[in-house]
Amino acid sequence: MHDDEGTSNEETMIELQRLGAVLGVSPEESLMAQLRVKSGYREQILEAQQHDNEVSKVRIKLVSGGETLF
């Protein structure tokens, strides 16, 4: 392994740890990383839409059978 590769591997491990990855070494001595991804954007959008007056107006029009082209 070259020094550059060692530094790159160390930087990669540090970045993975910063992201909250669980790191381990396989029996073959390969680095393994496990990340859990949370779907946060969808929930954030839905929450923001609940408090958005323009979205509320569109919702009311749709529910009442009013305008459907937006």
Protein backbone atom coordinates (compact mmCIF):
# COMPACT_ATOMS: atom_id res chain seq x y z
CA MET A 1 0.00 0.00 0.00
CA HIS A 2 1.33 3.43 -0.93
CA ASP A 3 1.29 6.26 1.60
CA ASP A 4 -1.26 8.09 -0.57
CA GLU A 5 -3.59 5.08 -0.42
CA GLY A 6 -3.18 4.84 3.35
CA THR A 7 -4.01 8.51 3.78
CA SER A 8 -6.96 8.19 1.43
CA ASN A 9 -8.24 5.16 3.33
CA GLU A 10 -7.89 6.98 6.65
CA GLU A 11 -9.73 10.01 5.27
CA THR A 12 -12.48 7.74 3.97
CA MET A 13 -12.83 6.04 7.36
CA ILE A 14 -12.98 9.40 9.14
CA GLU A 15 -15.63 10.66 6.73
CA LEU A 16 -17.70 7.48 7.13
CA GLN A 17 -17.53 7.80 10.91
CA ARG A 18 -18.56 11.46 10.63
CA LEU A 19 -21.63 10.31 8.68
CA GLY A 20 -22.51 7.91 11.47
CA ALA A 21 -21.45 4.73 9.70
CA VAL A 22 -20.84 1.59 11.68
CA LEU A 23 -17.42 0.36 10.62
CA GLY A 24 -16.08 -3.16 10.80
CA VAL A 25 -13.54 -5.52 9.27
CA SER A 26 -14.65 -8.63 7.45
CA PRO A 27 -12.93 -12.01 7.94
CA GLU A 28 -11.10 -11.27 4.67
CA GLU A 29 -9.79 -8.07 6.31
CA SER A 30 -11.86 -5.78 4.11
CA LEU A 31 -13.34 -2.62 5.56
CA MET A 32 -17.11 -2.74 5.86
CA ALA A 33 -19.37 0.23 6.51
CA GLN A 34 -23.06 0.23 7.32
CA LEU A 35 -25.13 3.38 6.90
CA ARG A 36 -28.73 3.89 7.84
CA VAL A 37 -30.48 6.35 5.60
CA LYS A 38 -33.48 8.21 6.90
CA SER A 39 -36.09 9.60 4.60
CA GLY A 40 -36.27 13.07 6.05
CA TYR A 41 -36.99 15.28 3.08
CA ARG A 42 -40.45 13.86 2.43
CA GLU A 43 -41.50 14.38 6.04
CA GLN A 44 -40.07 17.90 6.04
CA ILE A 45 -42.00 18.77 2.87
CA LEU A 46 -45.25 17.32 4.21
CA GLU A 47 -44.83 19.23 7.48
CA ALA A 48 -44.10 22.49 5.64
CA GLN A 49 -47.14 22.00 3.40
CA GLN A 50 -49.37 21.78 6.48
CA HIS A 51 -48.44 25.36 7.33
CA ASP A 52 -48.38 26.80 3.80
CA ASN A 53 -51.39 29.02 2.98
CA GLU A 54 -51.02 28.58 -0.78
CA VAL A 55 -50.97 24.79 -0.49
CA SER A 56 -54.07 25.00 1.73
CA LYS A 57 -55.90 26.99 -0.95
CA VAL A 58 -55.03 24.40 -3.58
CA ARG A 59 -56.13 21.56 -1.29
CA ILE A 60 -59.50 23.27 -0.64
CA LYS A 61 -60.07 23.74 -4.39
CA LEU A 62 -59.25 20.09 -5.09
CA VAL A 63 -61.46 18.74 -2.30
CA SER A 64 -64.39 20.94 -3.34
CA GLY A 65 -64.11 19.78 -6.96
CA GLY A 66 -62.99 23.22 -8.09
CA GLU A 67 -60.06 23.96 -10.36
CA THR A 68 -57.80 21.01 -11.11
CA LEU A 69 -55.18 22.64 -13.35
CA PHE A 70 -52.26 24.09 -11.43
